[in-house]
């Protein structure tokens, strides 16, 4: 019961983390679009500084996204390679004939031989 509860808590935390990343990216994009055509006050413009921070945040999020995507693709490739390497060995366990479970012989109807 404790393991199941811990797994549920971890799932909730991961969903919240993904949602937070999405919301941060959305707000950074909206702020960037809204303040792009502002009246700049010079070298120490606070809006320009925050726009630079938004660009940096978006860049980091995109980098994290691509690194995680490549990791998932790599892991899936490794698992699929192992699965397809083991596939011929698994074929020997698949029954290819009809089998009855009541110890009687199973006859397959086929064309009659004269």
PDB file of N, CA and C in Angstrom:
ATOM      1  N   UNK A   1       0.822  -1.190   0.000  1.00  0.00           N
ATOM      2  CA  UNK A   1       0.000   0.000   0.000  1.00  0.00           C
ATOM      3  C   UNK A   1       0.867   1.254   0.000  1.00  0.00           C
ATOM      4  N   UNK A   2       1.961   1.223   0.748  1.00  0.00           N
ATOM      5  CA  UNK A   2       2.835   2.386   0.831  1.00  0.00           C
ATOM      6  C   UNK A   2       3.548   2.630  -0.497  1.00  0.00           C
ATOM      7  N   UNK A   3       3.916   1.548  -1.214  1.00  0.00           N
ATOM      8  CA  UNK A   3       4.576   1.698  -2.502  1.00  0.00           C
ATOM      9  C   UNK A   3       3.631   2.315  -3.524  1.00  0.00           C
ATOM     10  N   UNK A   4       2.384   1.889  -3.473  1.00  0.00           N
ATOM     11  CA  UNK A   4       1.393   2.420  -4.404  1.00  0.00           C
ATOM     12  C   UNK A   4       1.150   3.908  -4.139  1.00  0.00           C
ATOM     13  N   UNK A   5       1.100   4.268  -2.881  1.00  0.00           N
ATOM     14  CA  UNK A   5       0.885   5.669  -2.522  1.00  0.00           C
ATOM     15  C   UNK A   5       2.091   6.521  -2.937  1.00  0.00           C
ATOM     16  N   UNK A   6       3.291   5.971  -2.741  1.00  0.00           N
ATOM     17  CA  UNK A   6       4.496   6.688  -3.127  1.00  0.00           C
ATOM     18  C   UNK A   6       4.540   6.884  -4.643  1.00  0.00           C
ATOM     19  N   UNK A   7       4.148   5.857  -5.404  1.00  0.00           N
ATOM     20  CA  UNK A   7       4.120   5.962  -6.864  1.00  0.00           C
ATOM     21  C   UNK A   7       3.101   6.996  -7.312  1.00  0.00           C
ATOM     22  N   UNK A   8       1.961   7.052  -6.650  1.00  0.00           N
ATOM     23  CA  UNK A   8       0.937   8.037  -6.985  1.00  0.00           C
ATOM     24  C   UNK A   8       1.433   9.445  -6.707  1.00  0.00           C
ATOM     25  N   UNK A   9       2.107   9.633  -5.595  1.00  0.00           N
ATOM     26  CA  UNK A   9       2.650  10.948  -5.242  1.00  0.00           C
ATOM     27  C   UNK A   9       3.701  11.369  -6.273  1.00  0.00           C
ATOM     28  N   UNK A  10       4.553  10.442  -6.699  1.00  0.00           N
ATOM     29  CA  UNK A  10       5.565  10.764  -7.698  1.00  0.00           C
ATOM     30  C   UNK A  10       4.933  11.146  -9.028  1.00  0.00           C
ATOM     31  N   UNK A  11       3.850  10.467  -9.414  1.00  0.00           N
ATOM     32  CA  UNK A  11       3.158  10.811 -10.654  1.00  0.00           C
ATOM     33  C   UNK A  11       2.562  12.210 -10.574  1.00  0.00           C
ATOM     34  N   UNK A  12       1.961  12.525  -9.439  1.00  0.00           N
ATOM     35  CA  UNK A  12       1.360  13.850  -9.264  1.00  0.00           C
ATOM     36  C   UNK A  12       2.433  14.925  -9.314  1.00  0.00           C
ATOM     37  N   UNK A  13       3.558  14.686  -8.662  1.00  0.00           N
ATOM     38  CA  UNK A  13       4.651  15.661  -8.664  1.00  0.00           C
ATOM     39  C   UNK A  13       5.188  15.859 -10.081  1.00  0.00           C
ATOM     40  N   UNK A  14       5.328  14.787 -10.840  1.00  0.00           N
ATOM     41  CA  UNK A  14       5.835  14.930 -12.207  1.00  0.00           C
ATOM     42  C   UNK A  14       4.851  15.683 -13.091  1.00  0.00           C
ATOM     43  N   UNK A  15       3.560  15.449 -12.925  1.00  0.00           N
ATOM     44  CA  UNK A  15       2.557  16.188 -13.703  1.00  0.00           C
ATOM     45  C   UNK A  15       2.587  17.669 -13.336  1.00  0.00           C
ATOM     46  N   UNK A  16       2.719  17.975 -12.058  1.00  0.00           N
ATOM     47  CA  UNK A  16       2.795  19.376 -11.620  1.00  0.00           C
ATOM     48  C   UNK A  16       4.043  20.048 -12.190  1.00  0.00           C
ATOM     49  N   UNK A  17       5.178  19.337 -12.194  1.00  0.00           N
ATOM     50  CA  UNK A  17       6.415  19.910 -12.736  1.00  0.00           C
ATOM     51  C   UNK A  17       6.285  20.197 -14.229  1.00  0.00           C
ATOM     52  N   UNK A  18       5.676  19.283 -14.976  1.00  0.00           N
ATOM     53  CA  UNK A  18       5.480  19.503 -16.406  1.00  0.00           C
ATOM     54  C   UNK A  18       4.535  20.674 -16.635  1.00  0.00           C
ATOM     55  N   UNK A  19       3.477  20.750 -15.850  1.00  0.00           N
ATOM     56  CA  UNK A  19       2.535  21.860 -15.987  1.00  0.00           C
ATOM     57  C   UNK A  19       3.211  23.188 -15.671  1.00  0.00           C
ATOM     58  N   UNK A  20       4.067  23.215 -14.663  1.00  0.00           N
ATOM     59  CA  UNK A  20       4.773  24.455 -14.314  1.00  0.00           C
ATOM     60  C   UNK A  20       5.708  24.887 -15.441  1.00  0.00           C
ATOM     61  N   UNK A  21       6.423  23.938 -16.050  1.00  0.00           N
ATOM     62  CA  UNK A  21       7.286  24.280 -17.177  1.00  0.00           C
ATOM     63  C   UNK A  21       6.472  24.849 -18.335  1.00  0.00           C
ATOM     64  N   UNK A  22       5.319  24.251 -18.591  1.00  0.00           N
ATOM     65  CA  UNK A  22       4.456  24.738 -19.664  1.00  0.00           C
ATOM     66  C   UNK A  22       3.955  26.145 -19.370  1.00  0.00           C
ATOM     67  N   UNK A  23       3.533  26.404 -18.144  1.00  0.00           N
ATOM     68  CA  UNK A  23       3.022  27.724 -17.766  1.00  0.00           C
ATOM     69  C   UNK A  23       4.145  28.770 -17.840  1.00  0.00           C
ATOM     70  N   UNK A  24       5.339  28.427 -17.387  1.00  0.00           N
ATOM     71  CA  UNK A  24       6.462  29.366 -17.463  1.00  0.00           C
ATOM     72  C   UNK A  24       6.767  29.712 -18.912  1.00  0.00           C
ATOM     73  N   UNK A  25       6.794  28.699 -19.777  1.00  0.00           N
ATOM     74  CA  UNK A  25       7.067  28.951 -21.192  1.00  0.00           C
ATOM     75  C   UNK A  25       5.967  29.801 -21.815  1.00  0.00           C
ATOM     76  N   UNK A  26       4.728  29.532 -21.446  1.00  0.00           N
ATOM     77  CA  UNK A  26       3.606  30.298 -21.989  1.00  0.00           C
ATOM     78  C   UNK A  26       3.672  31.758 -21.550  1.00  0.00           C
ATOM     79  N   UNK A  27       3.915  32.011 -20.268  1.00  0.00           N
ATOM     80  CA  UNK A  27       4.010  33.388 -19.784  1.00  0.00           C
ATOM     81  C   UNK A  27       5.214  34.118 -20.377  1.00  0.00           C
ATOM     82  N   UNK A  28       6.334  33.422 -20.526  1.00  0.00           N
ATOM     83  CA  UNK A  28       7.507  34.058 -21.130  1.00  0.00           C
ATOM     84  C   UNK A  28       7.214  34.451 -22.569  1.00  0.00           C
ATOM     85  N   UNK A  29       6.545  33.575 -23.291  1.00  0.00           N
ATOM     86  CA  UNK A  29       6.201  33.888 -24.681  1.00  0.00           C
ATOM     87  C   UNK A  29       5.217  35.058 -24.754  1.00  0.00           C
ATOM     88  N   UNK A  30       4.174  35.027 -23.927  1.00  0.00           N
ATOM     89  CA  UNK A  30       3.176  36.106 -23.931  1.00  0.00           C
ATOM     90  C   UNK A  30       3.807  37.444 -23.538  1.00  0.00           C
ATOM     91  N   UNK A  31       4.657  37.445 -22.533  1.00  0.00           N
ATOM     92  CA  UNK A  31       5.313  38.674 -22.105  1.00  0.00           C
ATOM     93  C   UNK A  31       6.219  39.203 -23.214  1.00  0.00           C
ATOM     94  N   UNK A  32       6.936  38.299 -23.848  1.00  0.00           N
ATOM     95  CA  UNK A  32       7.840  38.692 -24.916  1.00  0.00           C
ATOM     96  C   UNK A  32       7.066  39.334 -26.076  1.00  0.00           C
ATOM     97  N   UNK A  33       5.937  38.741 -26.459  1.00  0.00           N
ATOM     98  CA  UNK A  33       5.122  39.294 -27.541  1.00  0.00           C
ATOM     99  C   UNK A  33       4.530  40.641 -27.135  1.00  0.00           C
ATOM    100  N   UNK A  34       4.068  40.747 -25.896  1.00  0.00           N
ATOM    101  CA  UNK A  34       3.407  41.974 -25.439  1.00  0.00           C
ATOM    102  C   UNK A  34       4.372  43.142 -25.335  1.00  0.00           C
ATOM    103  N   UNK A  35       5.580  42.911 -24.872  1.00  0.00           N
ATOM    104  CA  UNK A  35       6.525  43.990 -24.602  1.00  0.00           C
ATOM    105  C   UNK A  35       7.571  44.180 -25.694  1.00  0.00           C
ATOM    106  N   UNK A  36       7.431  43.512 -26.828  1.00  0.00           N
ATOM    107  CA  UNK A  36       8.440  43.613 -27.878  1.00  0.00           C
ATOM    108  C   UNK A  36       8.561  45.033 -28.436  1.00  0.00           C
ATOM    109  N   UNK A  37       7.454  45.730 -28.588  1.00  0.00           N
ATOM    110  CA  UNK A  37       7.460  47.077 -29.171  1.00  0.00           C
ATOM    111  C   UNK A  37       7.338  48.156 -28.107  1.00  0.00           C
ATOM    112  N   UNK A  38       8.075  48.030 -27.015  1.00  0.00           N
ATOM    113  CA  UNK A  38       8.003  49.023 -25.945  1.00  0.00           C
ATOM    114  C   UNK A  38       8.886  50.234 -26.283  1.00  0.00           C
ATOM    115  N   UNK A  39       8.680  51.285 -25.554  1.00  0.00           N
ATOM    116  CA  UNK A  39       9.524  52.478 -25.706  1.00  0.00           C
ATOM    117  C   UNK A  39      10.712  52.306 -24.775  1.00  0.00           C
ATOM    118  N   UNK A  40      11.876  52.100 -25.367  1.00  0.00           N
ATOM    119  CA  UNK A  40      13.079  51.817 -24.585  1.00  0.00           C
ATOM    120  C   UNK A  40      13.589  53.093 -23.918  1.00  0.00           C
ATOM    121  N   UNK A  41      14.018  52.968 -22.660  1.00  0.00           N
ATOM    122  CA  UNK A  41      14.488  54.133 -21.910  1.00  0.00           C
ATOM    123  C   UNK A  41      16.008  54.255 -21.882  1.00  0.00           C
ATOM    124  N   UNK A  42      16.687  53.439 -22.636  1.00  0.00           N
ATOM    125  CA  UNK A  42      18.142  53.565 -22.700  1.00  0.00           C
ATOM    126  C   UNK A  42      18.853  52.287 -22.295  1.00  0.00           C
ATOM    127  N   UNK A  43      20.087  52.463 -21.812  1.00  0.00           N
ATOM    128  CA  UNK A  43      20.934  51.327 -21.474  1.00  0.00           C
ATOM    129  C   UNK A  43      20.380  50.487 -20.336  1.00  0.00           C
ATOM    130  N   UNK A  44      19.820  51.099 -19.318  1.00  0.00           N
ATOM    131  CA  UNK A  44      19.349  50.377 -18.142  1.00  0.00           C
ATOM    132  C   UNK A  44      17.836  50.144 -18.187  1.00  0.00           C
ATOM    133  N   UNK A  45      17.328  49.787 -19.340  1.00  0.00           N
ATOM    134  CA  UNK A  45      15.883  49.573 -19.494  1.00  0.00           C
ATOM    135  C   UNK A  45      15.495  48.253 -18.820  1.00  0.00           C
ATOM    136  N   UNK A  46      14.563  48.339 -17.890  1.00  0.00           N
ATOM    137  CA  UNK A  46      14.127  47.145 -17.148  1.00  0.00           C
ATOM    138  C   UNK A  46      13.376  46.170 -18.059  1.00  0.00           C
ATOM    139  N   UNK A  47      12.631  46.691 -19.023  1.00  0.00           N
ATOM    140  CA  UNK A  47      11.874  45.818 -19.926  1.00  0.00           C
ATOM    141  C   UNK A  47      12.829  45.053 -20.835  1.00  0.00           C
ATOM    142  N   UNK A  48      13.873  45.724 -21.327  1.00  0.00           N
ATOM    143  CA  UNK A  48      14.868  45.023 -22.156  1.00  0.00           C
ATOM    144  C   UNK A  48      15.564  43.917 -21.357  1.00  0.00           C
ATOM    145  N   UNK A  49      15.857  44.187 -20.108  1.00  0.00           N
ATOM    146  CA  UNK A  49      16.500  43.181 -19.251  1.00  0.00           C
ATOM    147  C   UNK A  49      15.576  41.987 -19.035  1.00  0.00           C
ATOM    148  N   UNK A  50      14.293  42.259 -18.804  1.00  0.00           N
ATOM    149  CA  UNK A  50      13.358  41.144 -18.601  1.00  0.00           C
ATOM    150  C   UNK A  50      13.126  40.381 -19.902  1.00  0.00           C
ATOM    151  N   UNK A  51      13.161  41.066 -21.051  1.00  0.00           N
ATOM    152  CA  UNK A  51      13.047  40.364 -22.334  1.00  0.00           C
ATOM    153  C   UNK A  51      14.244  39.450 -22.571  1.00  0.00           C
ATOM    154  N   UNK A  52      15.432  39.901 -22.184  1.00  0.00           N
ATOM    155  CA  UNK A  52      16.611  39.034 -22.282  1.00  0.00           C
ATOM    156  C   UNK A  52      16.459  37.807 -21.383  1.00  0.00           C
ATOM    157  N   UNK A  53      15.910  38.029 -20.196  1.00  0.00           N
ATOM    158  CA  UNK A  53      15.685  36.905 -19.281  1.00  0.00           C
ATOM    159  C   UNK A  53      14.658  35.932 -19.852  1.00  0.00           C
ATOM    160  N   UNK A  54      13.615  36.452 -20.491  1.00  0.00           N
ATOM    161  CA  UNK A  54      12.608  35.588 -21.124  1.00  0.00           C
ATOM    162  C   UNK A  54      13.226  34.766 -22.243  1.00  0.00           C
ATOM    163  N   UNK A  55      14.056  35.402 -23.068  1.00  0.00           N
ATOM    164  CA  UNK A  55      14.732  34.666 -24.142  1.00  0.00           C
ATOM    165  C   UNK A  55      15.621  33.563 -23.574  1.00  0.00           C
ATOM    166  N   UNK A  56      16.322  33.875 -22.497  1.00  0.00           N
ATOM    167  CA  UNK A  56      17.192  32.878 -21.881  1.00  0.00           C
ATOM    168  C   UNK A  56      16.373  31.724 -21.302  1.00  0.00           C
ATOM    169  N   UNK A  57      15.251  32.027 -20.669  1.00  0.00           N
ATOM    170  CA  UNK A  57      14.393  30.985 -20.101  1.00  0.00           C
ATOM    171  C   UNK A  57      13.843  30.091 -21.199  1.00  0.00           C
ATOM    172  N   UNK A  58      13.370  30.705 -22.291  1.00  0.00           N
ATOM    173  CA  UNK A  58      12.859  29.905 -23.405  1.00  0.00           C
ATOM    174  C   UNK A  58      13.951  29.029 -23.998  1.00  0.00           C
ATOM    175  N   UNK A  59      15.144  29.560 -24.105  1.00  0.00           N
ATOM    176  CA  UNK A  59      16.254  28.787 -24.641  1.00  0.00           C
ATOM    177  C   UNK A  59      16.575  27.591 -23.751  1.00  0.00           C
ATOM    178  N   UNK A  60      16.562  27.800 -22.439  1.00  0.00           N
ATOM    179  CA  UNK A  60      16.834  26.701 -21.515  1.00  0.00           C
ATOM    180  C   UNK A  60      15.740  25.642 -21.564  1.00  0.00           C
ATOM    181  N   UNK A  61      14.490  26.071 -21.669  1.00  0.00           N
ATOM    182  CA  UNK A  61      13.380  25.107 -21.723  1.00  0.00           C
ATOM    183  C   UNK A  61      13.465  24.280 -23.000  1.00  0.00           C
ATOM    184  N   UNK A  62      13.784  24.926 -24.114  1.00  0.00           N
ATOM    185  CA  UNK A  62      13.924  24.195 -25.375  1.00  0.00           C
ATOM    186  C   UNK A  62      15.083  23.210 -25.289  1.00  0.00           C
ATOM    187  N   UNK A  63      16.173  23.606 -24.665  1.00  0.00           N
ATOM    188  CA  UNK A  63      17.314  22.707 -24.502  1.00  0.00           C
ATOM    189  C   UNK A  63      16.934  21.506 -23.636  1.00  0.00           C
ATOM    190  N   UNK A  64      16.240  21.743 -22.542  1.00  0.00           N
ATOM    191  CA  UNK A  64      15.798  20.646 -21.677  1.00  0.00           C
ATOM    192  C   UNK A  64      14.862  19.716 -22.444  1.00  0.00           C
ATOM    193  N   UNK A  65      13.976  20.292 -23.239  1.00  0.00           N
ATOM    194  CA  UNK A  65      13.030  19.488 -24.025  1.00  0.00           C
ATOM    195  C   UNK A  65      13.781  18.578 -24.993  1.00  0.00           C
ATOM    196  N   UNK A  66      14.745  19.117 -25.738  1.00  0.00           N
ATOM    197  CA  UNK A  66      15.456  18.306 -26.711  1.00  0.00           C
ATOM    198  C   UNK A  66      16.337  17.257 -26.057  1.00  0.00           C
ATOM    199  N   UNK A  67      16.956  17.588 -24.945  1.00  0.00           N
ATOM    200  CA  UNK A  67      17.777  16.594 -24.248  1.00  0.00           C
ATOM    201  C   UNK A  67      16.906  15.453 -23.736  1.00  0.00           C
ATOM    202  N   UNK A  68      15.759  15.779 -23.151  1.00  0.00           N
ATOM    203  CA  UNK A  68      14.873  14.724 -22.656  1.00  0.00           C
ATOM    204  C   UNK A  68      14.293  13.907 -23.799  1.00  0.00           C
ATOM    205  N   UNK A  69      13.988  14.544 -24.930  1.00  0.00           N
ATOM    206  CA  UNK A  69      13.476  13.809 -26.087  1.00  0.00           C
ATOM    207  C   UNK A  69      14.527  12.845 -26.617  1.00  0.00           C
ATOM    208  N   UNK A  70      15.755  13.296 -26.732  1.00  0.00           N
ATOM    209  CA  UNK A  70      16.821  12.409 -27.195  1.00  0.00           C
ATOM    210  C   UNK A  70      17.058  11.260 -26.224  1.00  0.00           C
ATOM    211  N   UNK A  71      16.953  11.536 -24.935  1.00  0.00           N
ATOM    212  CA  UNK A  71      17.114  10.469 -23.946  1.00  0.00           C
ATOM    213  C   UNK A  71      16.022   9.420 -24.087  1.00  0.00           C
ATOM    214  N   UNK A  72      14.781   9.862 -24.244  1.00  0.00           N
ATOM    215  CA  UNK A  72      13.666   8.917 -24.396  1.00  0.00           C
ATOM    216  C   UNK A  72      13.829   8.096 -25.667  1.00  0.00           C
ATOM    217  N   UNK A  73      14.221   8.743 -26.759  1.00  0.00           N
ATOM    218  CA  UNK A  73      14.432   8.014 -28.012  1.00  0.00           C
ATOM    219  C   UNK A  73      15.553   6.985 -27.844  1.00  0.00           C
ATOM    220  N   UNK A  74      16.633   7.358 -27.186  1.00  0.00           N
ATOM    221  CA  UNK A  74      17.734   6.430 -26.963  1.00  0.00           C
ATOM    222  C   UNK A  74      17.289   5.230 -26.129  1.00  0.00           C
ATOM    223  N   UNK A  75      16.560   5.477 -25.061  1.00  0.00           N
ATOM    224  CA  UNK A  75      16.104   4.384 -24.196  1.00  0.00           C
ATOM    225  C   UNK A  75      15.131   3.474 -24.946  1.00  0.00           C
ATOM    226  N   UNK A  76      14.202   4.066 -25.693  1.00  0.00           N
ATOM    227  CA  UNK A  76      13.271   3.241 -26.475  1.00  0.00           C
ATOM    228  C   UNK A  76      14.006   2.417 -27.514  1.00  0.00           C
ATOM    229  N   UNK A  77      15.004   3.015 -28.140  1.00  0.00           N
ATOM    230  CA  UNK A  77      15.779   2.270 -29.132  1.00  0.00           C
ATOM    231  C   UNK A  77      16.476   1.077 -28.495  1.00  0.00           C
ATOM    232  N   UNK A  78      17.033   1.267 -27.311  1.00  0.00           N
ATOM    233  CA  UNK A  78      17.705   0.157 -26.621  1.00  0.00           C
ATOM    234  C   UNK A  78      16.714  -0.942 -26.265  1.00  0.00           C
ATOM    235  N   UNK A  79      15.544  -0.559 -25.739  1.00  0.00           N
ATOM    236  CA  UNK A  79      14.538  -1.561 -25.385  1.00  0.00           C
ATOM    237  C   UNK A  79      14.005  -2.285 -26.612  1.00  0.00           C
ATOM    238  N   UNK A  80      13.764  -1.554 -27.690  1.00  0.00           N
ATOM    239  CA  UNK A  80      13.256  -2.198 -28.904  1.00  0.00           C
ATOM    240  C   UNK A  80      14.300  -3.118 -29.517  1.00  0.00           C
ATOM    241  N   UNK A  81      15.567  -2.728 -29.460  1.00  0.00           N
ATOM    242  CA  UNK A  81      16.614  -3.601 -29.972  1.00  0.00           C
ATOM    243  C   UNK A  81      16.653  -4.901 -29.182  1.00  0.00           C
ATOM    244  N   UNK A  82      16.567  -4.804 -27.865  1.00  0.00           N
ATOM    245  CA  UNK A  82      16.562  -6.017 -27.041  1.00  0.00           C
ATOM    246  C   UNK A  82      15.339  -6.871 -27.335  1.00  0.00           C
ATOM    247  N   UNK A  83      14.191  -6.227 -27.533  1.00  0.00           N
ATOM    248  CA  UNK A  83      12.965  -6.981 -27.811  1.00  0.00           C
ATOM    249  C   UNK A  83      13.086  -7.733 -29.128  1.00  0.00           C
ATOM    250  N   UNK A  84      13.567  -7.053 -30.175  1.00  0.00           N
ATOM    251  CA  UNK A  84      13.660  -7.702 -31.471  1.00  0.00           C
ATOM    252  C   UNK A  84      14.772  -8.737 -31.523  1.00  0.00           C
ATOM    253  N   UNK A  85      15.791  -8.604 -30.673  1.00  0.00           N
ATOM    254  CA  UNK A  85      16.817  -9.647 -30.582  1.00  0.00           C
ATOM    255  C   UNK A  85      16.260 -10.892 -29.897  1.00  0.00           C
ATOM    256  N   UNK A  86      15.362 -10.694 -28.948  1.00  0.00           N
ATOM    257  CA  UNK A  86      14.775 -11.829 -28.233  1.00  0.00           C
ATOM    258  C   UNK A  86      13.565 -12.416 -28.940  1.00  0.00           C
ATOM    259  N   UNK A  87      13.055 -11.756 -29.951  1.00  0.00           N
ATOM    260  CA  UNK A  87      11.848 -12.215 -30.633  1.00  0.00           C
ATOM    261  C   UNK A  87      11.982 -13.613 -31.226  1.00  0.00           C
ATOM    262  N   UNK A  88      13.086 -13.963 -31.899  1.00  0.00           N
ATOM    263  CA  UNK A  88      13.193 -15.343 -32.396  1.00  0.00           C
ATOM    264  C   UNK A  88      13.170 -16.387 -31.282  1.00  0.00           C
ATOM    265  N   UNK A  89      13.722 -16.064 -30.139  1.00  0.00           N
ATOM    266  CA  UNK A  89      13.700 -17.011 -29.023  1.00  0.00           C
ATOM    267  C   UNK A  89      12.287 -17.160 -28.457  1.00  0.00           C
ATOM    268  N   UNK A  90      11.487 -16.097 -28.567  1.00  0.00           N
ATOM    269  CA  UNK A  90      10.118 -16.169 -28.059  1.00  0.00           C
ATOM    270  C   UNK A  90       9.214 -17.009 -28.954  1.00  0.00           C
ATOM    271  N   UNK A  91       9.550 -17.134 -30.239  1.00  0.00           N
ATOM    272  CA  UNK A  91       8.702 -17.899 -31.149  1.00  0.00           C
ATOM    273  C   UNK A  91       8.607 -19.364 -30.763  1.00  0.00           C
ATOM    274  N   UNK A  92       9.618 -19.908 -30.115  1.00  0.00           N
ATOM    275  CA  UNK A  92       9.566 -21.320 -29.748  1.00  0.00           C
ATOM    276  C   UNK A  92       8.535 -21.597 -28.657  1.00  0.00           C
ATOM    277  N   UNK A  93       8.105 -20.562 -27.941  1.00  0.00           N
ATOM    278  CA  UNK A  93       7.122 -20.753 -26.891  1.00  0.00           C
ATOM    279  C   UNK A  93       5.688 -20.548 -27.378  1.00  0.00           C
ATOM    280  N   UNK A  94       5.524 -20.080 -28.597  1.00  0.00           N
ATOM    281  CA  UNK A  94       4.181 -19.846 -29.128  1.00  0.00           C
ATOM    282  C   UNK A  94       3.690 -21.137 -29.773  1.00  0.00           C
ATOM    283  N   UNK A  95       2.564 -21.666 -29.336  1.00  0.00           N
ATOM    284  CA  UNK A  95       2.061 -22.905 -29.943  1.00  0.00           C
ATOM    285  C   UNK A  95       1.571 -22.632 -31.367  1.00  0.00           C
ATOM    286  N   UNK A  96       2.016 -23.456 -32.295  1.00  0.00           N
ATOM    287  CA  UNK A  96       1.648 -23.275 -33.683  1.00  0.00           C
ATOM    288  C   UNK A  96       0.573 -24.265 -34.119  1.00  0.00           C
ATOM    289  N   UNK A  97       0.190 -25.183 -33.261  1.00  0.00           N
ATOM    290  CA  UNK A  97      -0.850 -26.162 -33.571  1.00  0.00           C
ATOM    291  C   UNK A  97      -1.992 -26.008 -32.597  1.00  0.00           C
ATOM    292  N   UNK A  98      -3.144 -26.567 -32.973  1.00  0.00           N
ATOM    293  CA  UNK A  98      -4.263 -26.566 -32.046  1.00  0.00           C
ATOM    294  C   UNK A  98      -3.960 -27.524 -30.901  1.00  0.00           C
ATOM    295  N   UNK A  99      -4.254 -27.104 -29.710  1.00  0.00           N
ATOM    296  CA  UNK A  99      -4.015 -27.936 -28.534  1.00  0.00           C
ATOM    297  C   UNK A  99      -5.287 -27.931 -27.712  1.00  0.00           C
ATOM    298  N   UNK A 100      -5.757 -29.116 -27.383  1.00  0.00           N
ATOM    299  CA  UNK A 100      -6.897 -29.221 -26.483  1.00  0.00           C
ATOM    300  C   UNK A 100      -6.387 -29.436 -25.079  1.00  0.00           C
ATOM    301  N   UNK A 101      -7.105 -28.875 -24.139  1.00  0.00           N
ATOM    302  CA  UNK A 101      -6.663 -28.980 -22.757  1.00  0.00           C
ATOM    303  C   UNK A 101      -7.278 -30.158 -22.024  1.00  0.00           C
ATOM    304  N   UNK A 102      -8.115 -30.962 -22.698  1.00  0.00           N
ATOM    305  CA  UNK A 102      -8.733 -32.092 -22.013  1.00  0.00           C
ATOM    306  C   UNK A 102      -8.090 -33.421 -22.401  1.00  0.00           C
ATOM    307  N   UNK A 103      -6.842 -33.398 -22.809  1.00  0.00           N
ATOM    308  CA  UNK A 103      -6.024 -34.580 -23.121  1.00  0.00           C
ATOM    309  C   UNK A 103      -6.571 -35.410 -24.273  1.00  0.00           C
ATOM    310  N   UNK A 104      -7.439 -34.873 -25.085  1.00  0.00           N
ATOM    311  CA  UNK A 104      -7.900 -35.569 -26.278  1.00  0.00           C
ATOM    312  C   UNK A 104      -7.119 -35.038 -27.460  1.00  0.00           C
ATOM    313  N   UNK A 105      -7.094 -35.833 -28.491  1.00  0.00           N
ATOM    314  CA  UNK A 105      -6.380 -35.411 -29.687  1.00  0.00           C
ATOM    315  C   UNK A 105      -7.226 -34.396 -30.441  1.00  0.00           C
ATOM    316  N   UNK A 106      -6.616 -33.410 -30.950  1.00  0.00           N
ATOM    317  CA  UNK A 106      -7.310 -32.398 -31.735  1.00  0.00           C
ATOM    318  C   UNK A 106      -7.065 -32.678 -33.198  1.00  0.00           C
ATOM    319  N   UNK A 107      -8.128 -32.777 -33.951  1.00  0.00           N
ATOM    320  CA  UNK A 107      -8.021 -33.025 -35.371  1.00  0.00           C
ATOM    321  C   UNK A 107      -8.400 -31.754 -36.111  1.00  0.00           C
ATOM    322  N   UNK A 108      -7.595 -31.427 -37.057  1.00  0.00           N
ATOM    323  CA  UNK A 108      -7.859 -30.243 -37.867  1.00  0.00           C
ATOM    324  C   UNK A 108      -8.493 -30.730 -39.151  1.00  0.00           C
ATOM    325  N   UNK A 109      -9.678 -30.208 -39.465  1.00  0.00           N
ATOM    326  CA  UNK A 109     -10.360 -30.587 -40.682  1.00  0.00           C
ATOM    327  C   UNK A 109      -9.595 -30.068 -41.878  1.00  0.00           C
ATOM    328  N   UNK A 110      -9.368 -30.902 -42.838  1.00  0.00           N
ATOM    329  CA  UNK A 110      -8.677 -30.500 -44.040  1.00  0.00           C
ATOM    330  C   UNK A 110      -9.281 -31.192 -45.223  1.00  0.00           C
ATOM    331  N   UNK A 111      -8.723 -31.008 -46.390  1.00  0.00           N
ATOM    332  CA  UNK A 111      -9.283 -31.687 -47.565  1.00  0.00           C
ATOM    333  C   UNK A 111      -9.075 -33.192 -47.451  1.00  0.00           C
ATOM    334  N   UNK A 112     -10.074 -33.928 -47.843  1.00  0.00           N
ATOM    335  CA  UNK A 112      -9.989 -35.389 -47.738  1.00  0.00           C
ATOM    336  C   UNK A 112      -9.131 -35.931 -48.864  1.00  0.00           C
ATOM    337  N   UNK A 113      -8.379 -36.975 -48.545  1.00  0.00           N
ATOM    338  CA  UNK A 113      -7.492 -37.609 -49.519  1.00  0.00           C
ATOM    339  C   UNK A 113      -8.199 -38.839 -50.049  1.00  0.00           C
ATOM    340  N   UNK A 114      -8.334 -38.995 -51.393  1.00  0.00           N
ATOM    341  CA  UNK A 114      -9.054 -40.186 -51.927  1.00  0.00           C
ATOM    342  C   UNK A 114      -8.257 -41.453 -51.815  1.00  0.00           C
TER     343      UNK A 114
END
